[in-house]
Structures are given as structure tokens and as C-alpha cells.
Amino acid sequence: MPYIQESVVIQKENRLIALIYPDFETVDQEKIDDARLTEIIEENKKEVNLELAKYMQIAKIKIYPEEFEKTPKRSIKRFLYSSVEL
């Protein structure tokens, strides 16, 4: 999706939360401010939710300021993000 480099979905209080690490290089090149970036990512969320069953839909997004920590095989260490403050 536009302007998204990485994402991970976690479950918090029976809701799915998407943590998004934006493609800051492209965002900076196109001079997109934080407010507009949030709007774009919300639009992306709406698009994705249209394709998903109700129980799979993303309830909330949170922009994450740094790349997600990864294993040596470059998989995101999902367990590290289950306790992220929203």
C-alpha cells in the first residue's frame, strides 16, 4: 500500500491493531506532513477492511516511528509488539 514500508497486526482487547512503519524516505521526498500521512494510512485501512471479513478487520492504526526488530531471517519479531501502548 502507498507509503507503508512495514506493518504488523496485533490483538489488543479483542481488537486488531495495525502498527505501521511508514516509508519515510518517500514521505519526505513527496513533502507529506504528519497529518496528511495519517489520512493516507487511514484511507489504506478502509480499503483493506473492505476486502476482509468483519472479524478480521483492523480497528485502529498506530504509526510506529522505527523499523520493527527482526530475526536473522528478516521476519518481524511479533512477540515484542504485543504490549505496545496505544
Protein backbone atom coordinates (compact mmCIF):
# COMPACT_ATOMS: atom_id res chain seq x y z
CA MET A 1 0.00 0.00 0.00
CA PRO A 2 1.21 3.55 -0.60
CA TYR A 3 3.66 4.96 1.93
CA ILE A 4 3.82 1.80 4.04
CA GLN A 5 7.16 0.07 4.41
CA GLU A 6 6.31 -2.45 7.14
CA SER A 7 3.32 -3.40 9.22
CA VAL A 8 2.38 -5.85 11.92
CA VAL A 9 -1.09 -6.57 13.28
CA ILE A 10 -1.56 -7.31 16.96
CA GLN A 11 -4.61 -8.13 19.04
CA LYS A 12 -5.44 -5.91 21.98
CA GLU A 13 -8.67 -6.23 23.98
CA ASN A 14 -10.25 -8.36 21.21
CA ARG A 15 -9.49 -5.70 18.58
CA LEU A 16 -6.96 -5.85 15.77
CA ILE A 17 -4.45 -3.01 15.81
CA ALA A 18 -2.11 -2.36 12.88
CA LEU A 19 1.30 -0.97 13.71
CA ILE A 20 2.60 0.81 10.63
CA TYR A 21 6.16 1.82 9.87
CA PRO A 22 5.80 4.32 7.01
CA ASP A 23 8.15 4.65 4.07
CA PHE A 24 9.66 7.84 5.46
CA GLU A 25 12.02 8.26 2.52
CA THR A 26 9.12 8.55 0.06
CA VAL A 27 7.10 10.64 2.51
CA ASP A 28 9.98 13.12 2.82
CA GLN A 29 10.59 13.21 -0.94
CA GLU A 30 6.94 14.00 -1.59
CA LYS A 31 6.83 16.51 1.29
CA ILE A 32 3.88 14.86 3.03
CA ASP A 33 3.23 16.19 6.52
CA ASP A 34 2.23 14.04 9.50
CA ALA A 35 -1.47 14.94 9.28
CA ARG A 36 -1.68 14.00 5.60
CA LEU A 37 0.29 10.79 6.21
CA THR A 38 -2.22 9.78 8.89
CA GLU A 39 -5.08 10.48 6.46
CA ILE A 40 -3.46 8.37 3.75
CA ILE A 41 -2.89 5.45 6.11
CA GLU A 42 -6.50 5.69 7.36
CA GLU A 43 -7.65 5.51 3.73
CA ASN A 44 -5.45 2.43 3.26
CA LYS A 45 -7.06 0.86 6.34
CA LYS A 46 -10.54 1.46 4.93
CA GLU A 47 -9.55 -0.15 1.62
CA VAL A 48 -8.13 -3.22 3.34
CA ASN A 49 -11.17 -3.57 5.61
CA LEU A 50 -13.49 -3.65 2.58
CA GLU A 51 -11.77 -6.86 1.48
CA LEU A 52 -11.75 -8.56 4.89
CA ALA A 53 -14.40 -10.41 6.86
CA LYS A 54 -15.78 -8.45 9.82
CA TYR A 55 -13.80 -10.45 12.40
CA MET A 56 -10.55 -9.78 10.50
CA GLN A 57 -10.94 -6.02 10.10
CA ILE A 58 -8.43 -3.58 11.55
CA ALA A 59 -9.97 -1.46 14.29
CA LYS A 60 -7.14 1.03 14.76
CA ILE A 61 -3.79 2.02 13.35
CA LYS A 62 -0.72 3.37 15.08
CA ILE A 63 2.20 4.85 13.22
CA TYR A 64 5.39 3.31 14.52
CA PRO A 65 8.46 5.57 14.44
CA GLU A 66 11.15 2.97 13.72
CA GLU A 67 11.63 -0.25 11.79
CA PHE A 68 10.41 -3.38 13.53
CA GLU A 69 13.01 -5.61 15.13
CA LYS A 70 13.68 -8.71 13.06
CA THR A 71 15.10 -12.20 13.31
CA PRO A 72 18.23 -13.17 11.36
CA LYS A 73 15.85 -14.41 8.61
CA ARG A 74 14.32 -10.88 8.44
CA SER A 75 10.95 -11.87 9.96
CA ILE A 76 9.39 -9.35 12.33
CA LYS A 77 9.62 -10.40 15.98
CA ARG A 78 5.87 -10.04 16.54
CA PHE A 79 6.00 -11.04 20.22
CA LEU A 80 7.89 -7.82 21.01
CA TYR A 81 4.96 -5.66 19.93
CA SER A 82 2.03 -7.29 21.71
CA SER A 83 2.37 -4.92 24.67
CA VAL A 84 2.71 -1.66 22.71
CA GLU A 85 0.94 1.31 24.32
CA LEU A 86 -1.79 2.79 22.15
